[in-house]
Amino acid sequence: MRRKNMLVIGAVAAVCSASAAELSNAWKIVTPPQKTPVIRYAYEKAAEILKKDLAEGAGLQLEIVKEVPASGHAIVLGAEAAKRAGLDVAGLKWYDNAIVEKGGSLYLFGNDRARKPDQPYWDWHKAALPTLGAAVRFLHDYLGDRFCAPGETGRRVGRREKVVVPDGTASVERPTQIFGTACQSDIYYSYANGLRGMGLFHTYGGHTYPVAVPMEKYSKDHPEYFALTKDGRRLNNPDPKAPQIRSQHLCQSSRIWDEMFEDAKAYFTGRPASERGAVKGLGDLSTGWSGAFMYGKYFDVMPQDGMPKCECADCQAAYAKTGDPFFWASELVWGQTARLAQRLKDAGVKGWISQSAYASYRRLPDVEIPDNVVLLLCEHGPWSVAEPERLAKEYDEIRRWSEKVHGNMWLWTYVGKFACSQLAIPDVPMGTPRAFAEYYPKVAPYVFGVFPELG
């Protein structure tokens, strides 16, 4: 998973050189000044783990400094320093990272990029920090570190009497996975295992009703758009401090679907959000549409998380028709989704309606689903390989859903959600990589992508 594509340049020099750079206590770790907080943080974290693990694994005591010493002999971080040393960095994209020996020093670098100049360090999973990737790769390849699970107990520090890098070494790692979730409790584990986060991508969809159906727009004039409780209240609480998971749920039988049709039609035909009174967001800044529920050619209609039953007569009748105590909303939610998608097709509007099969609406419905619907199917995922009966049912469900939506489907799987750092047990091998290797190739024929969520 970590090394999807290793390319060695200058291979003759790297492999056949008679001399080599051997690290000693005279070496330094150089973290050049960096104005962008999140990139500065990546340099600091890279230097921190290099210093710590080289001390523990090889007995080396390397000082962290800001400038390359006149004598050379340094591990130098970052693309700017590499360029000053005459190295070409232009060909490095996304998370490509390089380890290059030149003039007695080692350069670990990639083209680090943030979304904005003042991006804070805690948003590291929303930046591309390949220099950190070069650092953990160096420790893996030359010290023998293994990043098996999040946390200190999940990392095995290698042991070497000497850390030696052949003169002329120039290796470039070009990861094929450039988007994924991150284990935010451990940046080292994340980068070592290809779980770097969203990077420079912007995601859309996922429990989008608070943005797609803003309370400030509909709460006062259309309370009937929101779910009815047993005590006669509508879940349209406009208090921004109110927990969203307990408020702002919709009445799926209401005319709110007409509003979403008009929004989708306006969005797909290039009309500005102001025409619909939509909330401005981070999507298409030229038209003002929010990227939280539409992006590119997609318009997401996934309900808010923790969706309760609406107590209105129409919703209750729909639940009763479904007749399933667990998936009581499947026919209602999917029926409305299919009608919305078909209305757009009938109107000659091109675009995809994105919906999820999740919680109370994840059972396959009886309704026919148009071919302009893209499905996000939520499944347990790779860890089901430990339960053969469950795994067989999961594979069958994936196949049937794929047929239902004409193959327009991707998976959201739960791999260690909420338990990421607690799963690191000393001396117990991590089974997730093998589970990944078994599970994802088998579902690949039915989906166009997968997303493993790690807490």
Protein backbone atom coordinates (compact mmCIF):
# COMPACT_ATOMS: atom_id res chain seq x y z
CA MET A 1 0.00 0.00 0.00
CA ARG A 2 2.72 2.43 0.90
CA ARG A 3 4.97 2.11 -2.11
CA LYS A 4 2.70 1.93 -5.09
CA ASN A 5 5.36 2.78 -7.60
CA MET A 6 9.05 3.07 -6.86
CA LEU A 7 11.16 4.60 -9.61
CA VAL A 8 14.94 4.75 -9.25
CA ILE A 9 16.72 7.35 -11.34
CA GLY A 10 20.45 7.34 -11.79
CA ALA A 11 20.23 3.64 -10.98
CA VAL A 12 23.78 2.79 -12.00
CA ALA A 13 25.16 5.33 -9.59
CA ALA A 14 22.77 4.26 -6.86
CA VAL A 15 23.47 0.56 -7.09
CA CYS A 16 27.00 0.25 -8.38
CA SER A 17 28.79 3.07 -6.58
CA ALA A 18 31.85 1.96 -4.71
CA SER A 19 31.49 4.67 -2.05
CA ALA A 20 28.66 5.66 0.19
CA ALA A 21 27.44 8.33 2.60
CA GLU A 22 27.55 6.97 6.14
CA LEU A 23 25.65 8.94 8.76
CA SER A 24 27.54 9.94 11.89
CA ASN A 25 27.07 12.24 14.88
CA ALA A 26 28.64 15.04 12.83
CA TRP A 27 25.59 15.09 10.56
CA LYS A 28 22.78 17.62 10.98
CA ILE A 29 19.07 17.59 10.21
CA VAL A 30 18.15 20.77 8.35
CA THR A 31 14.64 22.26 8.49
CA PRO A 32 14.77 25.41 6.35
CA PRO A 33 12.53 28.34 7.36
CA GLN A 34 8.98 27.97 6.09
CA LYS A 35 6.27 30.62 6.36
CA THR A 36 3.23 28.39 5.83
CA PRO A 37 2.32 26.91 9.25
CA VAL A 38 1.19 23.50 8.02
CA ILE A 39 4.31 22.97 5.89
CA ARG A 40 6.53 24.19 8.73
CA TYR A 41 4.77 21.65 10.98
CA ALA A 42 5.52 18.86 8.47
CA TYR A 43 9.22 19.78 8.44
CA GLU A 44 9.29 19.83 12.23
CA LYS A 45 7.56 16.46 12.51
CA ALA A 46 9.89 14.98 9.89
CA ALA A 47 12.94 16.26 11.76
CA GLU A 48 11.53 15.03 15.06
CA ILE A 49 11.07 11.43 13.93
CA LEU A 50 14.37 11.35 12.07
CA LYS A 51 16.23 12.52 15.16
CA LYS A 52 14.37 10.20 17.53
CA ASP A 53 14.50 7.00 15.48
CA LEU A 54 18.09 7.42 14.29
CA ALA A 55 19.09 7.81 17.94
CA GLU A 56 17.09 4.80 19.08
CA GLY A 57 17.84 2.55 16.14
CA ALA A 58 21.43 3.45 15.26
CA GLY A 59 22.76 5.35 18.27
CA LEU A 60 23.17 8.55 16.25
CA GLN A 61 22.81 11.96 17.87
CA LEU A 62 21.89 14.41 15.13
CA GLU A 63 21.29 18.08 15.83
CA ILE A 64 18.35 19.90 14.19
CA VAL A 65 19.43 23.17 12.55
CA LYS A 66 17.98 25.74 10.14
CA GLU A 67 20.75 25.95 7.56
CA VAL A 68 22.97 23.47 5.75
CA PRO A 69 26.39 23.50 7.47
CA ALA A 70 29.40 24.58 5.47
CA SER A 71 30.92 21.15 5.88
CA GLY A 72 27.89 19.49 4.32
CA HIS A 73 26.87 16.13 5.78
CA ALA A 74 23.24 16.87 6.50
CA ILE A 75 19.77 15.47 5.99
CA VAL A 76 18.10 18.41 4.28
CA LEU A 77 14.31 18.74 4.10
CA GLY A 78 12.18 20.45 1.49
CA ALA A 79 12.06 21.30 -2.21
CA GLU A 80 13.46 24.82 -1.87
CA ALA A 81 16.67 23.53 -0.34
CA ALA A 82 16.84 20.84 -3.02
CA LYS A 83 16.51 23.46 -5.77
CA ARG A 84 19.30 25.53 -4.24
CA ALA A 85 21.46 22.41 -4.39
CA GLY A 86 20.78 22.18 -8.12
CA LEU A 87 18.25 19.36 -7.99
CA ASP A 88 15.25 19.28 -10.33
CA VAL A 89 11.94 19.25 -8.45
CA ALA A 90 9.60 20.22 -11.29
CA GLY A 91 8.67 16.66 -12.16
CA LEU A 92 7.34 15.83 -8.70
CA LYS A 93 3.53 15.86 -8.56
CA TRP A 94 1.03 15.37 -5.74
CA TYR A 95 2.74 13.13 -3.14
CA ASP A 96 5.79 12.21 -5.24
CA ASN A 97 8.83 12.36 -2.99
CA ALA A 98 12.55 11.99 -3.53
CA ILE A 99 15.59 10.82 -1.61
CA VAL A 100 18.74 12.13 -3.28
CA GLU A 101 22.40 12.02 -2.23
CA LYS A 102 24.48 14.90 -3.49
CA GLY A 103 27.77 16.31 -2.30
CA GLY A 104 27.81 14.28 0.87
CA SER A 105 24.33 15.34 1.98
CA LEU A 106 20.91 13.72 1.70
CA TYR A 107 17.95 15.66 0.34
CA LEU A 108 14.46 14.49 1.30
CA PHE A 109 11.84 16.47 -0.55
CA GLY A 110 8.65 16.84 -2.55
CA ASN A 111 6.57 19.80 -3.68
CA ASP A 112 4.76 20.56 -0.44
CA ARG A 113 1.58 22.57 -0.93
CA ALA A 114 -1.11 24.02 1.31
CA ARG A 115 -4.58 25.28 0.43
CA LYS A 116 -3.82 28.72 1.80
CA PRO A 117 -0.75 30.58 3.10
CA ASP A 118 -1.93 30.63 6.72
CA GLN A 119 -3.20 27.05 6.87
CA PRO A 120 -2.78 25.83 10.48
CA TYR A 121 -0.86 22.72 11.45
CA TRP A 122 -3.92 20.76 12.59
CA ASP A 123 -5.21 20.84 8.99
CA TRP A 124 -2.27 18.73 7.78
CA HIS A 125 -4.63 16.17 6.23
CA LYS A 126 -5.89 18.94 3.92
CA ALA A 127 -2.44 19.67 2.49
CA ALA A 128 0.07 17.77 0.35
CA LEU A 129 3.22 17.18 2.40
CA PRO A 130 5.43 14.78 0.41
CA THR A 131 8.62 15.89 2.20
CA LEU A 132 7.25 14.13 5.29
CA GLY A 133 6.61 11.13 3.07
CA ALA A 134 10.25 11.15 2.03
CA ALA A 135 11.30 11.18 5.70
CA VAL A 136 9.22 8.15 6.72
CA ARG A 137 10.32 6.33 3.55
CA PHE A 138 13.96 7.01 4.41
CA LEU A 139 13.45 5.51 7.86
CA HIS A 140 11.67 2.52 6.35
CA ASP A 141 14.30 1.85 3.68
CA TYR A 142 17.53 2.70 5.47
CA LEU A 143 16.82 2.12 9.17
CA GLY A 144 14.17 -0.58 8.88
CA ASP A 145 11.28 1.23 10.56
CA ARG A 146 7.84 -0.34 10.23
CA PHE A 147 4.64 1.67 10.66
CA CYS A 148 2.21 -1.14 11.43
CA ALA A 149 -0.48 0.72 13.39
CA PRO A 150 -1.11 4.23 14.73
CA GLY A 151 0.73 5.35 17.85
CA GLU A 152 4.11 4.62 19.37
CA THR A 153 3.28 0.99 20.04
CA GLY A 154 2.36 0.54 16.40
CA ARG A 155 5.74 1.69 15.10
CA ARG A 156 8.73 -0.62 15.22
CA VAL A 157 12.00 1.28 15.08
CA GLY A 158 14.60 -0.51 12.99
CA ARG A 159 18.06 -1.44 14.20
CA ARG A 160 21.23 -0.78 12.21
CA GLU A 161 24.87 -0.68 13.24
CA LYS A 162 25.41 1.77 10.40
CA VAL A 163 23.06 3.88 8.28
CA VAL A 164 24.60 3.99 4.82
CA VAL A 165 23.27 5.56 1.63
CA PRO A 166 25.18 4.85 -1.62
CA ASP A 167 26.72 7.89 -3.31
CA GLY A 168 24.56 9.14 -6.14
CA THR A 169 21.35 7.62 -4.79
CA ALA A 170 18.33 9.25 -6.43
CA SER A 171 15.04 7.47 -5.76
CA VAL A 172 11.55 8.79 -6.36
CA GLU A 173 8.35 7.34 -4.96
CA ARG A 174 5.25 8.09 -7.01
CA PRO A 175 2.18 6.96 -5.03
CA THR A 176 -0.78 6.00 -7.15
CA GLN A 177 -3.26 6.80 -4.36
CA ILE A 178 -3.54 10.58 -4.09
CA PHE A 179 -6.75 10.85 -2.10
CA GLY A 180 -7.98 9.04 0.99
CA THR A 181 -8.85 9.35 4.62
CA ALA A 182 -6.18 9.97 7.25
CA CYS A 183 -5.61 8.63 10.74
CA GLN A 184 -5.47 12.09 12.27
CA SER A 185 -3.97 10.83 15.51
CA ASP A 186 -0.72 9.82 13.77
CA ILE A 187 0.70 11.71 10.79
CA TYR A 188 3.63 9.28 10.46
CA TYR A 189 1.43 6.19 10.19
CA SER A 190 -0.82 8.00 7.74
CA TYR A 191 1.98 8.99 5.37
CA ALA A 192 3.78 5.66 5.66
CA ASN A 193 0.62 3.78 4.67
CA GLY A 194 -0.80 6.05 1.97
CA LEU A 195 -3.55 7.47 4.20
CA ARG A 196 -2.63 11.11 3.76
CA GLY A 197 -6.07 12.69 3.85
CA MET A 198 -7.93 14.88 1.37
CA GLY A 199 -4.82 16.79 0.40
CA LEU A 200 -5.74 19.49 -2.10
CA PHE A 201 -9.01 17.88 -3.13
CA HIS A 202 -12.39 19.23 -2.11
CA THR A 203 -15.03 16.64 -1.25
CA TYR A 204 -18.76 16.93 -1.61
CA GLY A 205 -21.68 15.01 -0.20
CA GLY A 206 -22.27 13.06 2.97
CA HIS A 207 -25.09 14.08 5.36
CA THR A 208 -25.61 17.27 3.40
CA TYR A 209 -29.07 18.44 4.45
CA PRO A 210 -27.88 21.21 6.83
CA VAL A 211 -26.37 22.95 3.79
CA ALA A 212 -28.68 21.74 1.03
CA VAL A 213 -31.78 22.75 3.02
CA PRO A 214 -30.58 25.66 5.17
CA MET A 215 -32.73 26.49 8.18
CA GLU A 216 -32.22 30.20 7.68
CA LYS A 217 -33.94 29.86 4.31
CA TYR A 218 -36.85 27.55 5.13
CA SER A 219 -37.34 27.35 8.89
CA LYS A 220 -39.77 30.26 9.27
CA ASP A 221 -41.88 30.03 6.11
CA HIS A 222 -41.82 26.28 5.53
CA PRO A 223 -41.63 24.40 8.85
CA GLU A 224 -43.49 21.54 7.13
CA TYR A 225 -40.25 20.72 5.26
CA PHE A 226 -38.76 19.47 8.53
CA ALA A 227 -39.44 16.23 10.43
CA LEU A 228 -42.32 16.12 12.90
CA THR A 229 -41.71 14.78 16.40
CA LYS A 230 -44.15 12.82 18.57
CA ASP A 231 -44.81 15.90 20.68
CA GLY A 232 -45.79 17.94 17.62
CA ARG A 233 -42.58 19.94 17.11
CA ARG A 234 -40.71 20.38 13.84
CA LEU A 235 -36.96 19.70 13.78
CA ASN A 236 -36.17 23.09 12.31
CA ASN A 237 -34.31 24.58 15.25
CA PRO A 238 -32.47 27.62 13.87
CA ASP A 239 -30.17 27.81 16.92
CA PRO A 240 -26.63 27.31 15.54
CA LYS A 241 -25.57 25.85 18.89
CA ALA A 242 -28.17 23.09 18.70
CA PRO A 243 -26.61 19.72 17.81
CA GLN A 244 -27.32 19.11 14.12
CA ILE A 245 -27.67 15.39 14.62
CA ARG A 246 -30.82 16.09 16.69
CA SER A 247 -32.16 18.93 14.58
CA GLN A 248 -32.71 19.92 10.99
CA HIS A 249 -33.98 16.56 9.84
CA LEU A 250 -36.40 16.65 6.94
CA CYS A 251 -39.88 15.38 6.31
CA GLN A 252 -39.14 13.12 3.35
CA SER A 253 -42.76 13.28 2.21
CA SER A 254 -42.82 17.07 1.95
CA ARG A 255 -42.37 19.37 -1.03
CA ILE A 256 -38.74 19.90 -0.04
CA TRP A 257 -37.93 17.55 -2.91
CA ASP A 258 -39.43 20.13 -5.27
CA GLU A 259 -37.02 22.69 -3.84
CA MET A 260 -34.11 20.30 -4.34
CA PHE A 261 -35.19 19.73 -7.94
CA GLU A 262 -35.15 23.48 -8.60
CA ASP A 263 -31.75 23.79 -6.90
CA ALA A 264 -30.29 20.91 -8.90
CA LYS A 265 -31.73 22.23 -12.15
CA ALA A 266 -30.32 25.71 -11.48
CA TYR A 267 -26.91 24.33 -10.52
CA PHE A 268 -26.55 21.99 -13.50
CA THR A 269 -27.62 24.68 -15.95
CA GLY A 270 -25.08 27.18 -14.66
CA ARG A 271 -27.41 29.59 -12.92
CA PRO A 272 -26.04 31.41 -9.85
CA ALA A 273 -26.97 30.31 -6.34
CA SER A 274 -28.40 33.77 -5.66
CA GLU A 275 -31.37 32.95 -7.91
CA ARG A 276 -32.37 30.21 -5.50
CA GLY A 277 -31.31 31.95 -2.32
CA ALA A 278 -28.79 29.20 -1.66
CA VAL A 279 -26.12 29.51 1.01
CA LYS A 280 -22.74 30.50 -0.37
CA GLY A 281 -20.02 27.96 0.25
CA LEU A 282 -16.69 26.58 -0.89
CA GLY A 283 -17.73 24.99 -4.17
CA ASP A 284 -17.98 26.98 -7.40
CA LEU A 285 -17.03 30.45 -6.20
CA SER A 286 -18.07 32.00 -9.51
CA THR A 287 -21.70 30.98 -9.01
CA GLY A 288 -21.84 30.77 -5.20
CA TRP A 289 -23.02 27.17 -4.90
CA SER A 290 -21.75 25.32 -1.83
CA GLY A 291 -19.32 22.49 -2.47
CA ALA A 292 -20.72 20.71 0.59
CA PHE A 293 -23.58 19.22 -1.41
CA MET A 294 -22.69 19.76 -5.05
CA TYR A 295 -19.42 19.69 -6.86
CA GLY A 296 -18.58 19.37 -10.52
CA LYS A 297 -21.25 17.21 -12.11
CA TYR A 298 -22.73 15.90 -8.85
CA PHE A 299 -25.61 17.04 -6.63
CA ASP A 300 -25.85 15.22 -3.30
CA VAL A 301 -29.13 14.50 -1.47
CA MET A 302 -27.96 12.32 1.43
CA PRO A 303 -29.98 12.81 4.64
CA GLN A 304 -28.50 14.17 7.82
CA ASP A 305 -26.79 11.62 10.07
CA GLY A 306 -28.89 10.00 12.78
CA MET A 307 -32.13 10.48 10.84
CA PRO A 308 -35.17 9.83 13.10
CA LYS A 309 -38.63 8.81 11.97
CA CYS A 310 -40.88 11.67 10.95
CA GLU A 311 -44.24 11.35 12.71
CA CYS A 312 -46.36 12.89 9.96
CA ALA A 313 -49.07 10.68 8.45
CA ASP A 314 -47.46 10.44 5.00
CA CYS A 315 -44.06 9.37 6.31
CA GLN A 316 -45.60 6.89 8.74
CA ALA A 317 -47.59 5.34 5.89
CA ALA A 318 -44.40 5.01 3.81
CA TYR A 319 -42.57 3.34 6.69
CA ALA A 320 -45.44 0.89 7.16
CA LYS A 321 -45.37 0.05 3.45
CA THR A 322 -41.68 -0.81 3.68
CA GLY A 323 -42.46 -3.13 6.59
CA ASP A 324 -38.86 -3.40 7.79
CA PRO A 325 -37.97 -2.50 11.39
CA PHE A 326 -34.37 -1.74 10.47
CA PHE A 327 -34.54 -0.24 6.98
CA TRP A 328 -37.84 1.57 7.37
CA ALA A 329 -36.90 4.55 5.18
CA SER A 330 -35.55 2.70 2.12
CA GLU A 331 -38.63 2.92 -0.09
CA LEU A 332 -39.36 6.53 0.86
CA VAL A 333 -35.86 7.96 0.49
CA TRP A 334 -35.04 5.99 -2.64
CA GLY A 335 -38.44 6.66 -4.15
CA GLN A 336 -37.92 10.40 -3.77
CA THR A 337 -34.35 10.14 -5.07
CA ALA A 338 -35.46 8.23 -8.17
CA ARG A 339 -38.26 10.73 -8.88
CA LEU A 340 -35.86 13.65 -8.55
CA ALA A 341 -33.36 12.07 -10.93
CA GLN A 342 -36.07 11.21 -13.45
CA ARG A 343 -37.47 14.76 -13.36
CA LEU A 344 -34.05 16.09 -14.28
CA LYS A 345 -33.76 13.63 -17.16
CA ASP A 346 -37.22 14.52 -18.42
CA ALA A 347 -36.26 18.21 -18.30
CA GLY A 348 -33.15 17.53 -20.37
CA VAL A 349 -30.85 18.50 -17.50
CA LYS A 350 -27.54 16.62 -17.45
CA GLY A 351 -25.91 15.84 -14.13
CA TRP A 352 -25.65 13.17 -11.45
CA ILE A 353 -27.79 12.86 -8.34
CA SER A 354 -25.69 11.40 -5.54
CA GLN A 355 -27.38 9.33 -2.83
CA SER A 356 -26.20 6.89 -0.18
CA ALA A 357 -27.40 3.52 0.99
CA TYR A 358 -26.89 4.02 4.69
CA ALA A 359 -28.55 3.18 8.00
CA SER A 360 -32.37 3.10 7.68
CA TYR A 361 -32.33 3.49 3.89
CA ARG A 362 -29.61 1.04 2.83
CA ARG A 363 -31.84 -1.87 1.81
CA LEU A 364 -32.39 -2.32 -1.93
CA PRO A 365 -35.71 -0.64 -2.79
CA ASP A 366 -38.35 -1.92 -5.17
CA VAL A 367 -38.30 1.32 -7.19
CA GLU A 368 -36.41 1.49 -10.48
CA ILE A 369 -33.44 3.84 -10.25
CA PRO A 370 -32.55 6.02 -13.26
CA ASP A 371 -29.08 5.86 -14.75
CA ASN A 372 -28.22 9.43 -13.63
CA VAL A 373 -27.99 8.36 -9.98
CA VAL A 374 -24.63 7.57 -8.43
CA LEU A 375 -24.68 5.50 -5.26
CA LEU A 376 -22.44 5.66 -2.22
CA LEU A 377 -22.90 2.25 -0.58
CA CYS A 378 -21.81 1.99 3.04
CA GLU A 379 -20.41 -1.41 3.99
CA HIS A 380 -18.41 -2.85 6.87
CA GLY A 381 -15.51 -3.44 4.52
CA PRO A 382 -12.22 -5.37 4.68
CA TRP A 383 -12.57 -6.53 8.25
CA SER A 384 -15.54 -8.65 7.19
CA VAL A 385 -13.02 -11.17 5.85
CA ALA A 386 -12.77 -12.52 9.40
CA GLU A 387 -16.49 -13.45 9.29
CA PRO A 388 -17.15 -15.64 6.24
CA GLU A 389 -20.94 -15.61 6.52
CA ARG A 390 -21.06 -11.83 6.85
CA LEU A 391 -18.53 -11.43 4.04
CA ALA A 392 -20.59 -13.55 1.64
CA LYS A 393 -23.71 -11.48 2.36
CA GLU A 394 -21.72 -8.27 1.88
CA TYR A 395 -20.34 -9.35 -1.50
CA ASP A 396 -23.84 -10.35 -2.61
CA GLU A 397 -25.30 -7.03 -1.50
CA ILE A 398 -22.58 -5.10 -3.34
CA ARG A 399 -23.27 -7.07 -6.51
CA ARG A 400 -27.05 -6.54 -6.32
CA TRP A 401 -26.76 -2.82 -5.57
CA SER A 402 -24.33 -2.41 -8.49
CA GLU A 403 -26.86 -4.00 -10.83
CA LYS A 404 -29.59 -1.79 -9.39
CA VAL A 405 -27.73 1.45 -10.13
CA HIS A 406 -26.24 0.38 -13.49
CA GLY A 407 -22.73 0.11 -12.04
CA ASN A 408 -22.69 3.76 -10.97
CA MET A 409 -21.50 3.02 -7.46
CA TRP A 410 -18.62 3.47 -5.03
CA LEU A 411 -18.06 2.13 -1.53
CA TRP A 412 -17.60 3.74 1.84
CA THR A 413 -16.07 1.19 4.21
CA TYR A 414 -15.37 1.38 7.93
CA VAL A 415 -11.85 0.22 8.73
CA GLY A 416 -11.05 1.00 12.34
CA LYS A 417 -13.42 3.96 12.78
CA PHE A 418 -13.28 5.32 16.34
CA ALA A 419 -10.68 2.72 17.31
CA CYS A 420 -7.62 3.75 15.33
CA SER A 421 -5.08 4.35 18.09
CA GLN A 422 -6.52 1.66 20.38
CA LEU A 423 -5.82 -1.11 17.86
CA ALA A 424 -2.07 -0.95 18.21
CA ILE A 425 -1.21 -3.98 20.39
CA PRO A 426 2.46 -4.74 21.04
CA ASP A 427 3.73 -7.92 19.34
CA VAL A 428 0.41 -8.58 17.57
CA PRO A 429 0.64 -8.34 13.77
CA MET A 430 -1.71 -5.90 12.04
CA GLY A 431 -4.18 -7.78 9.85
CA THR A 432 -5.64 -4.84 7.94
CA PRO A 433 -3.19 -4.90 4.98
CA ARG A 434 -4.04 -8.54 4.23
CA ALA A 435 -7.74 -7.81 4.61
CA PHE A 436 -7.43 -4.92 2.15
CA ALA A 437 -5.67 -7.17 -0.34
CA GLU A 438 -8.40 -9.79 -0.14
CA TYR A 439 -11.49 -7.57 0.00
CA TYR A 440 -11.01 -4.71 -2.46
CA PRO A 441 -9.98 -6.74 -5.56
CA LYS A 442 -13.16 -8.82 -5.19
CA VAL A 443 -15.46 -5.79 -5.09
CA ALA A 444 -13.57 -3.91 -7.83
CA PRO A 445 -15.73 -5.22 -10.72
CA TYR A 446 -18.83 -3.65 -9.17
CA VAL A 447 -17.62 -0.19 -8.13
CA PHE A 448 -15.62 2.70 -9.55
CA GLY A 449 -13.91 3.59 -6.27
CA VAL A 450 -13.65 2.90 -2.55
CA PHE A 451 -13.12 5.01 0.53
CA PRO A 452 -11.77 3.34 3.70
CA GLU A 453 -12.63 5.43 6.75
CA LEU A 454 -10.15 5.18 9.59
CA GLY A 455 -10.84 7.04 12.81
